Amino acid sequence: MRTNGISSADGTPEDTTKHTYNQAFAIYALSSYYDASGDTKALKLAEELYRLIEAKCKDEYGYLEAFNVRFEPEDKDKLSENGVMAEKTMNTLLHVFEAYTELYRVTKKPEVGDNIRFMLDLIADKIYNPKLGRQEVFFDRTWNSLIDLYSYGHDIETAWLVDRGLDILDDAFYQKCLRPITKEITKNIYERAYTGHSLVNEAENGVVDTTRVWWVQAEAVVGFLNGWQRSPEHPEYLEAAEDIWEYIKKYVVDHRAGSEWFWAVDQEGHPLEKPVVEPWKCPYHNGRMCMEVIRRTQNVT
């Protein structure tokens, strides 16, 4: 067996870190598989992972980031990104939210719904910055923001995932509280990040990174389609979704045989020298985008 950064020569993992969002991804996948197949073993495992996250990966303030094999908090150097060592992140919260949304969809268990409400409170009160009309990204243990970072892809992804969660939770109070936030996020991303038929990556300390990243484009297509479906008075959102899809086909899709999408392209549409597939790059965002677009447009002319 080749060593590829995931497994060593004897097949044992090289990195045994237990990331909270990895447990969440598994819940998401197993819940969807159960819904498609009826396999109750998949649902049982999803519920076991749910209980694991609640018991091992959460403190009184929210969901933690990563642990060693004994579920002791992992060294902070493994959590560093953008030069920040964060105890909590918007990204992990978002992935736990989407996982619990899918688990609640197939089970309707009240305790899962209560934890979705807990996360919606965090999004509204801690993650979303109403003065700036955006989400913050990296936090200390009690949700104090650590860096001036505007992640455009995460914001548009959050808008449609929270809207989906609100639909499934079907709680009028939380719909009233969160719908204005998702509408504002969508509007601001359209006005601030949509340029050149695509979405730029992020802005740190006000400096915009104009790289066009594969997953950011994928989430923008779904996010703007969602924005138009919920606010038909804004046809520019539908036009943006279609425009970005055309950009993806022209610049982001790798047309070489057997390939998929480039990791990223520069402002001129030239692919960056990054792997097409590796542990942090796979067809998750773009595959989900395709399925969401198919589902959402079946009855649209």
Protein backbone atom coordinates (compact mmCIF):
# COMPACT_ATOMS: atom_id res chain seq x y z
CA MET A 1 0.00 0.00 0.00
CA ARG A 2 1.36 3.42 -0.94
CA THR A 3 1.79 6.05 1.72
CA ASN A 4 -0.50 8.92 0.72
CA GLY A 5 -0.74 11.05 3.83
CA ILE A 6 -3.87 9.25 5.01
CA SER A 7 -2.64 5.71 5.68
CA SER A 8 0.85 4.35 6.29
CA ALA A 9 2.37 1.34 4.53
CA ASP A 10 0.64 -1.13 6.89
CA GLY A 11 -2.75 0.51 6.48
CA THR A 12 -2.89 2.31 9.85
CA PRO A 13 -3.87 6.00 9.82
CA GLU A 14 -1.01 8.49 9.81
CA ASP A 15 -3.21 11.14 11.39
CA THR A 16 -5.44 9.84 14.19
CA THR A 17 -6.94 13.23 15.05
CA LYS A 18 -10.67 13.04 15.78
CA HIS A 19 -12.18 16.11 14.13
CA THR A 20 -15.69 17.00 15.20
CA TYR A 21 -16.70 17.86 11.65
CA ASN A 22 -15.58 14.42 10.44
CA GLN A 23 -18.01 12.79 12.86
CA ALA A 24 -20.64 15.20 11.54
CA PHE A 25 -19.95 14.29 7.91
CA ALA A 26 -20.52 10.65 8.81
CA ILE A 27 -23.85 11.47 10.46
CA TYR A 28 -24.91 13.38 7.36
CA ALA A 29 -23.93 10.52 5.05
CA LEU A 30 -25.39 7.72 7.15
CA SER A 31 -28.69 9.54 7.66
CA SER A 32 -29.03 10.14 3.91
CA TYR A 33 -28.08 6.53 3.17
CA TYR A 34 -30.70 5.30 5.64
CA ASP A 35 -33.33 7.47 3.95
CA ALA A 36 -32.39 6.09 0.54
CA SER A 37 -31.93 2.44 1.50
CA GLY A 38 -33.95 1.81 4.65
CA ASP A 39 -30.86 0.23 6.23
CA THR A 40 -31.46 0.63 9.96
CA LYS A 41 -27.82 -0.23 10.76
CA ALA A 42 -26.80 3.01 9.06
CA LEU A 43 -29.26 5.00 11.15
CA LYS A 44 -28.09 3.29 14.35
CA LEU A 45 -24.50 4.25 13.59
CA ALA A 46 -25.53 7.83 12.80
CA GLU A 47 -27.28 8.07 16.16
CA GLU A 48 -24.24 6.62 17.94
CA LEU A 49 -22.04 9.28 16.36
CA TYR A 50 -24.57 11.94 17.34
CA ARG A 51 -24.35 10.82 20.97
CA LEU A 52 -20.56 10.74 20.71
CA ILE A 53 -20.42 14.37 19.55
CA GLU A 54 -22.77 15.46 22.31
CA ALA A 55 -20.78 13.58 24.99
CA LYS A 56 -17.19 14.15 23.83
CA CYS A 57 -17.03 17.09 21.41
CA LYS A 58 -19.02 19.79 23.17
CA ASP A 59 -18.64 22.10 26.14
CA GLU A 60 -21.17 24.48 27.65
CA TYR A 61 -20.44 27.05 24.94
CA GLY A 62 -20.60 24.87 21.83
CA TYR A 63 -18.76 22.37 19.69
CA LEU A 64 -15.01 21.94 19.98
CA GLU A 65 -12.67 21.29 17.09
CA ALA A 66 -10.44 18.21 17.42
CA PHE A 67 -9.21 15.52 19.78
CA ASN A 68 -6.69 12.71 20.02
CA VAL A 69 -7.73 9.05 19.97
CA ARG A 70 -8.71 9.27 23.67
CA PHE A 71 -10.91 12.28 22.91
CA GLU A 72 -8.62 14.63 24.78
CA PRO A 73 -8.39 18.11 23.18
CA GLU A 74 -5.76 18.09 20.43
CA ASP A 75 -2.73 20.39 20.35
CA LYS A 76 -3.74 23.76 18.94
CA ASP A 77 -1.05 23.73 16.25
CA LYS A 78 -3.16 21.22 14.30
CA LEU A 79 -6.06 23.65 14.30
CA SER A 80 -4.15 26.66 13.03
CA GLU A 81 -5.39 28.41 9.89
CA ASN A 82 -4.88 31.96 8.61
CA GLY A 83 -2.28 32.23 11.38
CA VAL A 84 -4.94 31.75 14.06
CA MET A 85 -5.23 29.00 16.67
CA ALA A 86 -8.95 28.80 17.31
CA GLU A 87 -10.82 26.78 19.90
CA LYS A 88 -14.07 27.11 17.97
CA THR A 89 -14.87 27.82 14.34
CA MET A 90 -17.88 28.77 12.27
CA ASN A 91 -16.97 25.98 9.83
CA THR A 92 -17.27 23.18 12.38
CA LEU A 93 -20.53 24.57 13.73
CA LEU A 94 -21.93 24.71 10.20
CA HIS A 95 -21.01 21.08 9.47
CA VAL A 96 -22.53 19.86 12.75
CA PHE A 97 -25.64 21.87 11.91
CA GLU A 98 -26.05 20.33 8.45
CA ALA A 99 -25.48 16.84 9.89
CA TYR A 100 -28.03 17.26 12.66
CA THR A 101 -30.49 18.74 10.16
CA GLU A 102 -30.31 15.56 8.08
CA LEU A 103 -30.55 13.33 11.15
CA TYR A 104 -33.58 15.27 12.35
CA ARG A 105 -35.18 15.04 8.90
CA VAL A 106 -35.14 11.24 9.00
CA THR A 107 -35.90 10.75 12.72
CA LYS A 108 -37.73 13.87 14.03
CA LYS A 109 -36.23 13.18 17.44
CA PRO A 110 -36.94 16.13 19.76
CA GLU A 111 -33.46 16.14 21.33
CA VAL A 112 -31.85 16.53 17.89
CA GLY A 113 -34.24 19.38 17.18
CA ASP A 114 -33.27 21.04 20.47
CA ASN A 115 -29.60 20.90 19.52
CA ILE A 116 -30.42 22.44 16.13
CA ARG A 117 -32.08 25.30 18.03
CA PHE A 118 -28.96 25.60 20.21
CA MET A 119 -26.86 26.06 17.07
CA LEU A 120 -29.30 28.51 15.51
CA ASP A 121 -28.99 30.61 18.67
CA LEU A 122 -25.21 30.54 18.29
CA ILE A 123 -25.42 31.57 14.64
CA ALA A 124 -27.75 34.46 15.45
CA ASP A 125 -26.05 35.65 18.64
CA LYS A 126 -22.36 34.76 18.25
CA ILE A 127 -21.44 33.92 14.66
CA TYR A 128 -23.39 36.54 12.72
CA ASN A 129 -22.06 40.09 13.00
CA PRO A 130 -25.05 42.39 12.39
CA LYS A 131 -22.87 45.50 12.14
CA LEU A 132 -20.88 44.04 9.26
CA GLY A 133 -23.64 41.88 7.78
CA ARG A 134 -21.45 38.79 7.74
CA GLN A 135 -20.35 35.83 9.82
CA GLU A 136 -17.16 35.74 11.87
CA VAL A 137 -14.92 32.70 11.34
CA PHE A 138 -12.43 31.91 14.14
CA PHE A 139 -13.21 32.17 17.85
CA ASP A 140 -11.89 31.54 21.33
CA ARG A 141 -13.69 29.20 23.71
CA THR A 142 -16.51 31.65 24.51
CA TRP A 143 -17.07 32.84 20.92
CA ASN A 144 -14.98 35.99 20.86
CA SER A 145 -13.83 36.59 17.28
CA LEU A 146 -10.07 36.29 16.75
CA ILE A 147 -9.51 37.69 13.27
CA ASP A 148 -10.99 40.06 10.71
CA LEU A 149 -11.84 37.46 8.07
CA TYR A 150 -14.79 37.45 5.67
CA SER A 151 -15.23 33.99 4.15
CA TYR A 152 -17.55 34.55 1.19
CA GLY A 153 -18.00 30.85 0.40
CA HIS A 154 -18.94 29.97 3.97
CA ASP A 155 -21.45 32.79 4.14
CA ILE A 156 -23.36 31.82 1.01
CA GLU A 157 -23.20 28.16 2.05
CA THR A 158 -24.57 29.04 5.47
CA ALA A 159 -27.46 30.98 3.93
CA TRP A 160 -28.90 27.99 2.11
CA LEU A 161 -28.04 25.40 4.76
CA VAL A 162 -29.69 27.44 7.51
CA ASP A 163 -32.74 28.01 5.29
CA ARG A 164 -32.95 24.26 4.70
CA GLY A 165 -32.59 23.60 8.43
CA LEU A 166 -35.37 26.07 9.19
CA ASP A 167 -37.64 24.33 6.69
CA ILE A 168 -37.01 20.95 8.28
CA LEU A 169 -37.19 22.14 11.88
CA ASP A 170 -40.46 23.98 11.11
CA ASP A 171 -40.25 26.25 14.16
CA ALA A 172 -41.97 29.61 13.56
CA PHE A 173 -39.92 31.40 16.22
CA TYR A 174 -36.58 30.45 14.68
CA GLN A 175 -37.82 31.15 11.17
CA LYS A 176 -38.69 34.69 12.27
CA CYS A 177 -35.26 35.15 13.88
CA LEU A 178 -33.05 33.58 11.21
CA ARG A 179 -34.74 34.26 7.85
CA PRO A 180 -33.75 37.94 7.91
CA ILE A 181 -30.13 36.91 8.54
CA THR A 182 -29.98 34.47 5.63
CA LYS A 183 -31.56 37.06 3.34
CA GLU A 184 -29.03 39.68 4.43
CA ILE A 185 -26.11 37.29 3.98
CA THR A 186 -27.26 36.39 0.47
CA LYS A 187 -27.70 40.06 -0.51
CA ASN A 188 -24.30 41.03 0.85
CA ILE A 189 -22.46 38.19 -0.88
CA TYR A 190 -24.14 39.12 -4.15
CA GLU A 191 -23.07 42.75 -3.75
CA ARG A 192 -19.60 42.21 -2.26
CA ALA A 193 -18.17 38.98 -3.65
CA TYR A 194 -19.88 38.25 -6.96
CA THR A 195 -17.69 39.70 -9.68
CA GLY A 196 -16.23 38.49 -12.95
CA HIS A 197 -18.99 35.86 -13.34
CA SER A 198 -17.81 34.11 -10.14
CA LEU A 199 -17.19 34.49 -6.41
CA VAL A 200 -13.88 35.67 -5.01
CA ASN A 201 -12.53 33.66 -2.10
CA GLU A 202 -12.31 35.76 1.06
CA ALA A 203 -11.13 39.05 2.56
CA GLU A 204 -8.68 39.22 5.47
CA ASN A 205 -8.24 42.60 7.14
CA GLY A 206 -10.06 44.09 4.18
CA VAL A 207 -7.67 42.62 1.59
CA VAL A 208 -9.57 40.52 -0.96
CA ASP A 209 -8.20 37.18 -2.14
CA THR A 210 -9.39 37.01 -5.76
CA THR A 211 -8.72 33.28 -6.15
CA ARG A 212 -11.72 31.37 -7.48
CA VAL A 213 -11.93 28.22 -5.34
CA TRP A 214 -13.92 25.20 -6.55
CA TRP A 215 -16.13 24.78 -3.49
CA VAL A 216 -16.89 28.48 -3.22
CA GLN A 217 -18.28 28.49 -6.77
CA ALA A 218 -20.33 25.35 -6.08
CA GLU A 219 -21.88 26.79 -2.92
CA ALA A 220 -22.58 30.09 -4.69
CA VAL A 221 -24.67 28.32 -7.33
CA VAL A 222 -26.87 26.69 -4.68
CA GLY A 223 -26.89 29.76 -2.44
CA PHE A 224 -28.06 32.15 -5.14
CA LEU A 225 -30.59 29.63 -6.46
CA ASN A 226 -31.93 29.32 -2.92
CA GLY A 227 -32.00 33.11 -2.59
CA TRP A 228 -34.09 33.46 -5.75
CA GLN A 229 -36.47 30.65 -4.76
CA ARG A 230 -37.19 32.39 -1.44
CA SER A 231 -37.25 35.89 -2.90
CA PRO A 232 -38.53 35.68 -6.50
CA GLU A 233 -38.51 39.47 -6.60
CA HIS A 234 -34.73 39.16 -6.97
CA PRO A 235 -34.24 37.50 -10.38
CA GLU A 236 -30.62 38.69 -10.29
CA TYR A 237 -29.89 35.82 -7.89
CA LEU A 238 -31.07 33.25 -10.44
CA GLU A 239 -29.06 35.02 -13.12
CA ALA A 240 -25.98 34.89 -10.87
CA ALA A 241 -26.43 31.16 -10.25
CA GLU A 242 -26.64 30.51 -14.00
CA ASP A 243 -23.70 32.84 -14.69
CA ILE A 244 -21.45 31.13 -12.14
CA TRP A 245 -22.39 27.71 -13.56
CA GLU A 246 -21.25 28.87 -16.99
CA TYR A 247 -18.00 30.12 -15.44
CA ILE A 248 -17.49 26.76 -13.72
CA LYS A 249 -17.93 24.86 -16.99
CA LYS A 250 -15.50 27.16 -18.78
CA TYR A 251 -12.73 27.54 -16.21
CA VAL A 252 -13.14 25.27 -13.17
CA VAL A 253 -14.04 21.92 -14.70
CA ASP A 254 -10.91 19.99 -15.63
CA HIS A 255 -11.74 18.56 -19.03
CA ARG A 256 -8.88 16.05 -19.04
CA ALA A 257 -10.10 12.45 -19.19
CA GLY A 258 -10.80 10.97 -15.77
CA SER A 259 -10.52 14.27 -13.91
CA GLU A 260 -13.12 16.49 -12.24
CA TRP A 261 -12.76 20.14 -11.07
CA PHE A 262 -9.59 22.12 -10.48
CA TRP A 263 -8.98 23.14 -6.89
CA ALA A 264 -8.87 26.80 -7.88
CA VAL A 265 -8.15 29.20 -10.70
CA ASP A 266 -6.68 32.67 -10.59
CA GLN A 267 -8.42 35.89 -11.56
CA GLU A 268 -7.70 35.21 -15.23
CA GLY A 269 -9.07 31.66 -15.04
CA HIS A 270 -5.72 29.87 -15.05
CA PRO A 271 -5.61 26.73 -12.83
CA LEU A 272 -3.41 26.94 -9.76
CA GLU A 273 -0.77 24.29 -9.16
CA LYS A 274 -2.75 22.32 -6.60
CA PRO A 275 -3.92 18.68 -6.61
CA VAL A 276 -7.23 17.89 -8.27
CA VAL A 277 -7.95 15.29 -5.56
CA GLU A 278 -6.35 14.99 -2.10
CA PRO A 279 -7.56 14.80 1.53
CA TRP A 280 -8.92 18.37 1.45
CA LYS A 281 -10.23 18.27 -2.13
CA CYS A 282 -12.94 15.89 -3.26
CA PRO A 283 -16.25 16.06 -5.17
CA TYR A 284 -18.30 16.75 -2.02
CA HIS A 285 -19.31 20.38 -2.57
CA ASN A 286 -19.65 20.12 -6.33
CA GLY A 287 -21.45 16.76 -6.19
CA ARG A 288 -23.92 18.11 -3.65
CA MET A 289 -24.38 21.24 -5.77
CA CYS A 290 -25.42 19.13 -8.76
CA MET A 291 -27.93 17.14 -6.73
CA GLU A 292 -29.35 20.24 -5.05
CA VAL A 293 -29.79 22.01 -8.39
CA ILE A 294 -31.53 18.96 -9.87
CA ARG A 295 -33.83 18.70 -6.84
CA ARG A 296 -34.64 22.42 -6.77
CA THR A 297 -35.28 22.84 -10.49
CA GLN A 298 -37.36 19.78 -11.31
CA ASN A 299 -40.51 21.89 -11.57
CA VAL A 300 -38.90 25.13 -12.72
CA THR A 301 -39.33 26.26 -16.32
